[in-house]
Every structure is written in structure tokens, then in C-alpha cells.
């Protein structure tokens, strides 16, 4: 990655050791490259980026989760495939 511009997404990092193991692979050449990390553990997020406040998201409700699933499976108009005919 040296000398190249990159975007790396690390999803669901569970401990600080995992970040320490890989961060040396991402050179900072001041060229606009970014590493985005998600974690369920606030301590890990704060360790990775101590100067930036983590963006904390809430869990979806059961109804919100169901609606999201329907939208992903059926598109925005979930009536097209998520109806009585399918048993949903």
C-alpha cells in the first residue's frame, strides 16, 4: 500500500491486539487514505482513535429489523414478495 491511496474497512474488531497486529500494514503517506473500523466495544474504538469520539449506534427494534430484512429481500415495496402467499 506504500505510495498508494486506499480505503480499508475492518468490521467488528473485538480487541486492541487485533488492531495492533494490522495497523503497521497501513502506511500514512498523507494522501487521503483512510481506515474505517467498526467495533461493538467502546474501549476498542477509543483505543484505535483516541482523539475522535466514536459514533455509537443503537440496536434496531424487532419491528425495525423485520422492515430492514423485508426491504433487503424485496426492495422498497416489500408488498411485492413478503405477503400472505409466502407465509410472511
PDB file of N, CA and C in Angstrom:
ATOM      1  N   UNK A   1       0.801  -1.203   0.000  1.00  0.00           N
ATOM      2  CA  UNK A   1       0.000   0.000   0.000  1.00  0.00           C
ATOM      3  C   UNK A   1       0.843   1.266   0.000  1.00  0.00           C
ATOM      4  N   UNK A   2       2.126   1.111   0.221  1.00  0.00           N
ATOM      5  CA  UNK A   2       3.024   2.263   0.284  1.00  0.00           C
ATOM      6  C   UNK A   2       2.930   3.063  -1.011  1.00  0.00           C
ATOM      7  N   UNK A   3       2.672   4.368  -0.871  1.00  0.00           N
ATOM      8  CA  UNK A   3       2.603   5.243  -2.025  1.00  0.00           C
ATOM      9  C   UNK A   3       1.281   5.199  -2.767  1.00  0.00           C
ATOM     10  N   UNK A   4       0.343   4.387  -2.315  1.00  0.00           N
ATOM     11  CA  UNK A   4      -0.949   4.262  -2.982  1.00  0.00           C
ATOM     12  C   UNK A   4      -2.042   4.828  -2.091  1.00  0.00           C
ATOM     13  N   UNK A   5      -3.127   5.210  -2.694  1.00  0.00           N
ATOM     14  CA  UNK A   5      -4.285   5.697  -1.946  1.00  0.00           C
ATOM     15  C   UNK A   5      -5.237   4.522  -1.731  1.00  0.00           C
ATOM     16  N   UNK A   6      -5.734   4.382  -0.509  1.00  0.00           N
ATOM     17  CA  UNK A   6      -6.550   3.221  -0.196  1.00  0.00           C
ATOM     18  C   UNK A   6      -7.658   3.569   0.791  1.00  0.00           C
ATOM     19  N   UNK A   7      -8.682   2.717   0.799  1.00  0.00           N
ATOM     20  CA  UNK A   7      -9.743   2.734   1.803  1.00  0.00           C
ATOM     21  C   UNK A   7      -9.856   1.305   2.314  1.00  0.00           C
ATOM     22  N   UNK A   8      -9.622   1.129   3.599  1.00  0.00           N
ATOM     23  CA  UNK A   8      -9.712  -0.182   4.234  1.00  0.00           C
ATOM     24  C   UNK A   8     -10.868  -0.135   5.232  1.00  0.00           C
ATOM     25  N   UNK A   9     -11.715  -1.152   5.219  1.00  0.00           N
ATOM     26  CA  UNK A   9     -12.799  -1.262   6.195  1.00  0.00           C
ATOM     27  C   UNK A   9     -12.580  -2.537   6.995  1.00  0.00           C
ATOM     28  N   UNK A  10     -12.421  -2.365   8.299  1.00  0.00           N
ATOM     29  CA  UNK A  10     -12.281  -3.509   9.207  1.00  0.00           C
ATOM     30  C   UNK A  10     -13.562  -3.572  10.039  1.00  0.00           C
ATOM     31  N   UNK A  11     -14.309  -4.623   9.885  1.00  0.00           N
ATOM     32  CA  UNK A  11     -15.612  -4.730  10.522  1.00  0.00           C
ATOM     33  C   UNK A  11     -15.544  -5.595  11.772  1.00  0.00           C
ATOM     34  N   UNK A  12     -16.127  -5.086  12.853  1.00  0.00           N
ATOM     35  CA  UNK A  12     -16.338  -5.835  14.092  1.00  0.00           C
ATOM     36  C   UNK A  12     -15.035  -6.272  14.762  1.00  0.00           C
ATOM     37  N   UNK A  13     -14.150  -5.319  15.011  1.00  0.00           N
ATOM     38  CA  UNK A  13     -12.886  -5.592  15.707  1.00  0.00           C
ATOM     39  C   UNK A  13     -13.186  -5.768  17.195  1.00  0.00           C
ATOM     40  N   UNK A  14     -12.741  -6.872  17.766  1.00  0.00           N
ATOM     41  CA  UNK A  14     -13.109  -7.222  19.143  1.00  0.00           C
ATOM     42  C   UNK A  14     -12.065  -6.875  20.189  1.00  0.00           C
ATOM     43  N   UNK A  15     -10.807  -6.653  19.771  1.00  0.00           N
ATOM     44  CA  UNK A  15      -9.798  -6.334  20.784  1.00  0.00           C
ATOM     45  C   UNK A  15      -8.694  -5.457  20.210  1.00  0.00           C
ATOM     46  N   UNK A  16      -7.980  -4.807  21.105  1.00  0.00           N
ATOM     47  CA  UNK A  16      -6.934  -3.873  20.686  1.00  0.00           C
ATOM     48  C   UNK A  16      -5.747  -4.589  20.058  1.00  0.00           C
ATOM     49  N   UNK A  17      -5.535  -5.829  20.427  1.00  0.00           N
ATOM     50  CA  UNK A  17      -4.416  -6.589  19.849  1.00  0.00           C
ATOM     51  C   UNK A  17      -4.616  -6.794  18.353  1.00  0.00           C
ATOM     52  N   UNK A  18      -5.838  -7.002  17.932  1.00  0.00           N
ATOM     53  CA  UNK A  18      -6.122  -7.185  16.500  1.00  0.00           C
ATOM     54  C   UNK A  18      -5.727  -5.931  15.729  1.00  0.00           C
ATOM     55  N   UNK A  19      -6.066  -4.766  16.278  1.00  0.00           N
ATOM     56  CA  UNK A  19      -5.691  -3.511  15.627  1.00  0.00           C
ATOM     57  C   UNK A  19      -4.175  -3.353  15.596  1.00  0.00           C
ATOM     58  N   UNK A  20      -3.508  -3.635  16.715  1.00  0.00           N
ATOM     59  CA  UNK A  20      -2.047  -3.525  16.764  1.00  0.00           C
ATOM     60  C   UNK A  20      -1.370  -4.444  15.762  1.00  0.00           C
ATOM     61  N   UNK A  21      -1.961  -5.607  15.516  1.00  0.00           N
ATOM     62  CA  UNK A  21      -1.380  -6.563  14.574  1.00  0.00           C
ATOM     63  C   UNK A  21      -1.407  -6.070  13.128  1.00  0.00           C
ATOM     64  N   UNK A  22      -2.411  -5.275  12.767  1.00  0.00           N
ATOM     65  CA  UNK A  22      -2.554  -4.893  11.356  1.00  0.00           C
ATOM     66  C   UNK A  22      -2.239  -3.429  11.053  1.00  0.00           C
ATOM     67  N   UNK A  23      -2.211  -2.573  12.034  1.00  0.00           N
ATOM     68  CA  UNK A  23      -2.084  -1.140  11.737  1.00  0.00           C
ATOM     69  C   UNK A  23      -0.773  -0.769  11.051  1.00  0.00           C
ATOM     70  N   UNK A  24       0.287  -1.506  11.272  1.00  0.00           N
ATOM     71  CA  UNK A  24       1.559  -1.211  10.607  1.00  0.00           C
ATOM     72  C   UNK A  24       1.500  -1.461   9.105  1.00  0.00           C
ATOM     73  N   UNK A  25       0.499  -2.218   8.670  1.00  0.00           N
ATOM     74  CA  UNK A  25       0.332  -2.508   7.239  1.00  0.00           C
ATOM     75  C   UNK A  25      -0.267  -1.335   6.476  1.00  0.00           C
ATOM     76  N   UNK A  26      -0.763  -0.326   7.203  1.00  0.00           N
ATOM     77  CA  UNK A  26      -1.427   0.811   6.578  1.00  0.00           C
ATOM     78  C   UNK A  26      -0.562   2.058   6.713  1.00  0.00           C
ATOM     79  N   UNK A  27       0.301   2.328   5.730  1.00  0.00           N
ATOM     80  CA  UNK A  27       1.189   3.487   5.833  1.00  0.00           C
ATOM     81  C   UNK A  27       0.413   4.798   5.755  1.00  0.00           C
ATOM     82  N   UNK A  28       0.878   5.805   6.482  1.00  0.00           N
ATOM     83  CA  UNK A  28       0.274   7.126   6.433  1.00  0.00           C
ATOM     84  C   UNK A  28       1.145   8.006   5.545  1.00  0.00           C
ATOM     85  N   UNK A  29       0.776   8.092   4.277  1.00  0.00           N
ATOM     86  CA  UNK A  29       1.517   8.906   3.315  1.00  0.00           C
ATOM     87  C   UNK A  29       0.873  10.271   3.110  1.00  0.00           C
ATOM     88  N   UNK A  30      -0.089  10.621   3.970  1.00  0.00           N
ATOM     89  CA  UNK A  30      -0.796  11.905   3.863  1.00  0.00           C
ATOM     90  C   UNK A  30      -1.356  12.135   2.466  1.00  0.00           C
ATOM     91  N   UNK A  31      -1.951  11.093   1.890  1.00  0.00           N
ATOM     92  CA  UNK A  31      -2.514  11.196   0.544  1.00  0.00           C
ATOM     93  C   UNK A  31      -4.030  10.991   0.533  1.00  0.00           C
ATOM     94  N   UNK A  32      -4.650  11.068   1.698  1.00  0.00           N
ATOM     95  CA  UNK A  32      -6.102  10.922   1.761  1.00  0.00           C
ATOM     96  C   UNK A  32      -6.582   9.510   2.021  1.00  0.00           C
ATOM     97  N   UNK A  33      -5.676   8.577   2.227  1.00  0.00           N
ATOM     98  CA  UNK A  33      -6.074   7.204   2.534  1.00  0.00           C
ATOM     99  C   UNK A  33      -6.800   7.153   3.876  1.00  0.00           C
ATOM    100  N   UNK A  34      -7.672   6.179   4.020  1.00  0.00           N
ATOM    101  CA  UNK A  34      -8.440   6.046   5.251  1.00  0.00           C
ATOM    102  C   UNK A  34      -8.583   4.580   5.636  1.00  0.00           C
ATOM    103  N   UNK A  35      -8.667   4.365   6.951  1.00  0.00           N
ATOM    104  CA  UNK A  35      -9.011   3.063   7.510  1.00  0.00           C
ATOM    105  C   UNK A  35     -10.235   3.298   8.387  1.00  0.00           C
ATOM    106  N   UNK A  36     -11.325   2.604   8.081  1.00  0.00           N
ATOM    107  CA  UNK A  36     -12.544   2.713   8.872  1.00  0.00           C
ATOM    108  C   UNK A  36     -12.722   1.414   9.642  1.00  0.00           C
ATOM    109  N   UNK A  37     -12.970   1.564  10.948  1.00  0.00           N
ATOM    110  CA  UNK A  37     -13.072   0.400  11.828  1.00  0.00           C
ATOM    111  C   UNK A  37     -14.418   0.427  12.538  1.00  0.00           C
ATOM    112  N   UNK A  38     -15.071  -0.729  12.588  1.00  0.00           N
ATOM    113  CA  UNK A  38     -16.272  -0.855  13.410  1.00  0.00           C
ATOM    114  C   UNK A  38     -15.957  -1.795  14.556  1.00  0.00           C
ATOM    115  N   UNK A  39     -16.584  -1.522  15.691  1.00  0.00           N
ATOM    116  CA  UNK A  39     -16.422  -2.379  16.861  1.00  0.00           C
ATOM    117  C   UNK A  39     -17.635  -2.211  17.755  1.00  0.00           C
ATOM    118  N   UNK A  40     -18.036  -3.278  18.386  1.00  0.00           N
ATOM    119  CA  UNK A  40     -19.122  -3.208  19.366  1.00  0.00           C
ATOM    120  C   UNK A  40     -18.590  -2.770  20.728  1.00  0.00           C
ATOM    121  N   UNK A  41     -17.276  -2.735  20.849  1.00  0.00           N
ATOM    122  CA  UNK A  41     -16.639  -2.495  22.143  1.00  0.00           C
ATOM    123  C   UNK A  41     -16.070  -1.078  22.166  1.00  0.00           C
ATOM    124  N   UNK A  42     -16.646  -0.242  23.010  1.00  0.00           N
ATOM    125  CA  UNK A  42     -16.267   1.169  23.091  1.00  0.00           C
ATOM    126  C   UNK A  42     -14.787   1.347  23.421  1.00  0.00           C
ATOM    127  N   UNK A  43     -14.247   0.511  24.286  1.00  0.00           N
ATOM    128  CA  UNK A  43     -12.831   0.580  24.657  1.00  0.00           C
ATOM    129  C   UNK A  43     -11.931   0.400  23.425  1.00  0.00           C
ATOM    130  N   UNK A  44     -12.301  -0.487  22.543  1.00  0.00           N
ATOM    131  CA  UNK A  44     -11.521  -0.733  21.328  1.00  0.00           C
ATOM    132  C   UNK A  44     -11.583   0.490  20.410  1.00  0.00           C
ATOM    133  N   UNK A  45     -12.767   1.047  20.232  1.00  0.00           N
ATOM    134  CA  UNK A  45     -12.921   2.226  19.370  1.00  0.00           C
ATOM    135  C   UNK A  45     -12.097   3.393  19.897  1.00  0.00           C
ATOM    136  N   UNK A  46     -12.127   3.598  21.186  1.00  0.00           N
ATOM    137  CA  UNK A  46     -11.367   4.707  21.779  1.00  0.00           C
ATOM    138  C   UNK A  46      -9.866   4.469  21.691  1.00  0.00           C
ATOM    139  N   UNK A  47      -9.434   3.227  21.785  1.00  0.00           N
ATOM    140  CA  UNK A  47      -8.016   2.888  21.659  1.00  0.00           C
ATOM    141  C   UNK A  47      -7.518   3.169  20.239  1.00  0.00           C
ATOM    142  N   UNK A  48      -8.320   2.792  19.254  1.00  0.00           N
ATOM    143  CA  UNK A  48      -7.917   2.945  17.858  1.00  0.00           C
ATOM    144  C   UNK A  48      -7.818   4.416  17.467  1.00  0.00           C
ATOM    145  N   UNK A  49      -8.752   5.215  17.943  1.00  0.00           N
ATOM    146  CA  UNK A  49      -8.764   6.632  17.578  1.00  0.00           C
ATOM    147  C   UNK A  49      -9.080   7.478  18.809  1.00  0.00           C
ATOM    148  N   UNK A  50      -8.096   7.683  19.675  1.00  0.00           N
ATOM    149  CA  UNK A  50      -8.351   8.368  20.947  1.00  0.00           C
ATOM    150  C   UNK A  50      -8.748   9.842  20.807  1.00  0.00           C
ATOM    151  N   UNK A  51      -8.430  10.471  19.696  1.00  0.00           N
ATOM    152  CA  UNK A  51      -8.747  11.884  19.523  1.00  0.00           C
ATOM    153  C   UNK A  51     -10.122  12.125  18.906  1.00  0.00           C
ATOM    154  N   UNK A  52     -10.754  11.075  18.415  1.00  0.00           N
ATOM    155  CA  UNK A  52     -12.068  11.199  17.782  1.00  0.00           C
ATOM    156  C   UNK A  52     -13.110  10.426  18.577  1.00  0.00           C
ATOM    157  N   UNK A  53     -14.222  11.062  18.857  1.00  0.00           N
ATOM    158  CA  UNK A  53     -15.305  10.379  19.575  1.00  0.00           C
ATOM    159  C   UNK A  53     -15.926   9.322  18.666  1.00  0.00           C
ATOM    160  N   UNK A  54     -16.124   8.114  19.173  1.00  0.00           N
ATOM    161  CA  UNK A  54     -16.746   7.069  18.347  1.00  0.00           C
ATOM    162  C   UNK A  54     -18.209   7.390  18.074  1.00  0.00           C
ATOM    163  N   UNK A  55     -18.684   6.938  16.941  1.00  0.00           N
ATOM    164  CA  UNK A  55     -20.097   7.085  16.589  1.00  0.00           C
ATOM    165  C   UNK A  55     -20.823   5.859  17.142  1.00  0.00           C
ATOM    166  N   UNK A  56     -21.625   6.067  18.153  1.00  0.00           N
ATOM    167  CA  UNK A  56     -22.316   4.952  18.815  1.00  0.00           C
ATOM    168  C   UNK A  56     -23.695   4.785  18.184  1.00  0.00           C
ATOM    169  N   UNK A  57     -23.982   3.579  17.731  1.00  0.00           N
ATOM    170  CA  UNK A  57     -25.272   3.287  17.113  1.00  0.00           C
ATOM    171  C   UNK A  57     -26.092   2.409  18.049  1.00  0.00           C
ATOM    172  N   UNK A  58     -27.384   2.574  17.984  1.00  0.00           N
ATOM    173  CA  UNK A  58     -28.273   1.753  18.796  1.00  0.00           C
ATOM    174  C   UNK A  58     -28.665   0.502  18.019  1.00  0.00           C
ATOM    175  N   UNK A  59     -29.097  -0.519  18.743  1.00  0.00           N
ATOM    176  CA  UNK A  59     -29.612  -1.713  18.100  1.00  0.00           C
ATOM    177  C   UNK A  59     -30.990  -1.423  17.533  1.00  0.00           C
ATOM    178  N   UNK A  60     -31.344  -2.099  16.448  1.00  0.00           N
ATOM    179  CA  UNK A  60     -32.673  -1.953  15.873  1.00  0.00           C
ATOM    180  C   UNK A  60     -33.699  -2.675  16.734  1.00  0.00           C
ATOM    181  N   UNK A  61     -34.920  -2.160  16.728  1.00  0.00           N
ATOM    182  CA  UNK A  61     -36.018  -2.871  17.389  1.00  0.00           C
ATOM    183  C   UNK A  61     -36.385  -4.077  16.535  1.00  0.00           C
ATOM    184  N   UNK A  62     -37.222  -4.945  17.061  1.00  0.00           N
ATOM    185  CA  UNK A  62     -37.675  -6.114  16.302  1.00  0.00           C
ATOM    186  C   UNK A  62     -38.406  -5.659  15.038  1.00  0.00           C
ATOM    187  N   UNK A  63     -39.276  -4.658  15.176  1.00  0.00           N
ATOM    188  CA  UNK A  63     -40.011  -4.154  14.010  1.00  0.00           C
ATOM    189  C   UNK A  63     -39.079  -3.526  12.974  1.00  0.00           C
ATOM    190  N   UNK A  64     -38.096  -2.749  13.425  1.00  0.00           N
ATOM    191  CA  UNK A  64     -37.138  -2.142  12.500  1.00  0.00           C
ATOM    192  C   UNK A  64     -36.304  -3.210  11.798  1.00  0.00           C
ATOM    193  N   UNK A  65     -35.930  -4.251  12.531  1.00  0.00           N
ATOM    194  CA  UNK A  65     -35.155  -5.350  11.944  1.00  0.00           C
ATOM    195  C   UNK A  65     -35.959  -6.072  10.878  1.00  0.00           C
ATOM    196  N   UNK A  66     -37.222  -6.326  11.162  1.00  0.00           N
ATOM    197  CA  UNK A  66     -38.098  -7.016  10.214  1.00  0.00           C
ATOM    198  C   UNK A  66     -38.277  -6.175   8.951  1.00  0.00           C
ATOM    199  N   UNK A  67     -38.496  -4.867   9.125  1.00  0.00           N
ATOM    200  CA  UNK A  67     -38.670  -3.979   7.979  1.00  0.00           C
ATOM    201  C   UNK A  67     -37.410  -3.939   7.126  1.00  0.00           C
ATOM    202  N   UNK A  68     -36.244  -3.869   7.760  1.00  0.00           N
ATOM    203  CA  UNK A  68     -34.976  -3.859   7.031  1.00  0.00           C
ATOM    204  C   UNK A  68     -34.793  -5.151   6.238  1.00  0.00           C
ATOM    205  N   UNK A  69     -35.091  -6.288   6.853  1.00  0.00           N
ATOM    206  CA  UNK A  69     -34.978  -7.572   6.164  1.00  0.00           C
ATOM    207  C   UNK A  69     -35.894  -7.602   4.946  1.00  0.00           C
ATOM    208  N   UNK A  70     -37.135  -7.165   5.120  1.00  0.00           N
ATOM    209  CA  UNK A  70     -38.077  -7.146   4.000  1.00  0.00           C
ATOM    210  C   UNK A  70     -37.573  -6.249   2.871  1.00  0.00           C
ATOM    211  N   UNK A  71     -37.043  -5.083   3.216  1.00  0.00           N
ATOM    212  CA  UNK A  71     -36.539  -4.175   2.189  1.00  0.00           C
ATOM    213  C   UNK A  71     -35.350  -4.773   1.438  1.00  0.00           C
ATOM    214  N   UNK A  72     -34.480  -5.476   2.154  1.00  0.00           N
ATOM    215  CA  UNK A  72     -33.319  -6.090   1.508  1.00  0.00           C
ATOM    216  C   UNK A  72     -33.735  -7.244   0.604  1.00  0.00           C
ATOM    217  N   UNK A  73     -34.744  -8.013   1.030  1.00  0.00           N
ATOM    218  CA  UNK A  73     -35.193  -9.158   0.238  1.00  0.00           C
ATOM    219  C   UNK A  73     -36.082  -8.748  -0.932  1.00  0.00           C
ATOM    220  N   UNK A  74     -36.918  -7.753  -0.704  1.00  0.00           N
ATOM    221  CA  UNK A  74     -37.985  -7.468  -1.655  1.00  0.00           C
ATOM    222  C   UNK A  74     -37.891  -6.093  -2.301  1.00  0.00           C
ATOM    223  N   UNK A  75     -36.968  -5.281  -1.900  1.00  0.00           N
ATOM    224  CA  UNK A  75     -36.912  -3.912  -2.393  1.00  0.00           C
ATOM    225  C   UNK A  75     -37.748  -3.005  -1.506  1.00  0.00           C
ATOM    226  N   UNK A  76     -37.869  -1.758  -1.896  1.00  0.00           N
ATOM    227  CA  UNK A  76     -38.568  -0.789  -1.059  1.00  0.00           C
ATOM    228  C   UNK A  76     -40.045  -1.104  -0.889  1.00  0.00           C
ATOM    229  N   UNK A  77     -40.655  -1.722  -1.882  1.00  0.00           N
ATOM    230  CA  UNK A  77     -42.069  -2.089  -1.754  1.00  0.00           C
ATOM    231  C   UNK A  77     -42.142  -3.556  -1.337  1.00  0.00           C
ATOM    232  N   UNK A  78     -42.064  -3.797  -0.033  1.00  0.00           N
ATOM    233  CA  UNK A  78     -41.995  -5.171   0.471  1.00  0.00           C
ATOM    234  C   UNK A  78     -43.271  -5.943   0.199  1.00  0.00           C
ATOM    235  N   UNK A  79     -44.359  -5.280  -0.187  1.00  0.00           N
ATOM    236  CA  UNK A  79     -45.607  -5.985  -0.501  1.00  0.00           C
ATOM    237  C   UNK A  79     -45.447  -6.863  -1.727  1.00  0.00           C
ATOM    238  N   UNK A  80     -44.424  -6.606  -2.541  1.00  0.00           N
ATOM    239  CA  UNK A  80     -44.240  -7.367  -3.771  1.00  0.00           C
ATOM    240  C   UNK A  80     -43.875  -8.828  -3.517  1.00  0.00           C
ATOM    241  N   UNK A  81     -43.208  -9.112  -2.417  1.00  0.00           N
ATOM    242  CA  UNK A  81     -42.825 -10.511  -2.197  1.00  0.00           C
ATOM    243  C   UNK A  81     -43.061 -10.989  -0.772  1.00  0.00           C
ATOM    244  N   UNK A  82     -43.292 -10.116   0.150  1.00  0.00           N
ATOM    245  CA  UNK A  82     -43.469 -10.513   1.545  1.00  0.00           C
ATOM    246  C   UNK A  82     -44.949 -10.421   1.894  1.00  0.00           C
ATOM    247  N   UNK A  83     -45.731 -11.344   1.386  1.00  0.00           N
ATOM    248  CA  UNK A  83     -47.174 -11.288   1.598  1.00  0.00           C
ATOM    249  C   UNK A  83     -47.690 -12.614   2.135  1.00  0.00           C
ATOM    250  N   UNK A  84     -48.989 -12.743   2.190  1.00  0.00           N
ATOM    251  CA  UNK A  84     -49.608 -13.961   2.715  1.00  0.00           C
ATOM    252  C   UNK A  84     -49.231 -15.199   1.904  1.00  0.00           C
ATOM    253  N   UNK A  85     -49.012 -15.010   0.612  1.00  0.00           N
ATOM    254  CA  UNK A  85     -48.683 -16.140  -0.271  1.00  0.00           C
ATOM    255  C   UNK A  85     -47.388 -16.820   0.150  1.00  0.00           C
ATOM    256  N   UNK A  86     -46.439 -16.025   0.685  1.00  0.00           N
ATOM    257  CA  UNK A  86     -45.158 -16.577   1.130  1.00  0.00           C
ATOM    258  C   UNK A  86     -45.204 -17.000   2.585  1.00  0.00           C
ATOM    259  N   UNK A  87     -46.279 -16.740   3.271  1.00  0.00           N
ATOM    260  CA  UNK A  87     -46.384 -17.131   4.678  1.00  0.00           C
ATOM    261  C   UNK A  87     -45.714 -16.156   5.616  1.00  0.00           C
ATOM    262  N   UNK A  88     -45.437 -14.948   5.148  1.00  0.00           N
ATOM    263  CA  UNK A  88     -44.787 -13.940   5.970  1.00  0.00           C
ATOM    264  C   UNK A  88     -45.836 -13.003   6.457  1.00  0.00           C
TER     265      UNK A  88
END
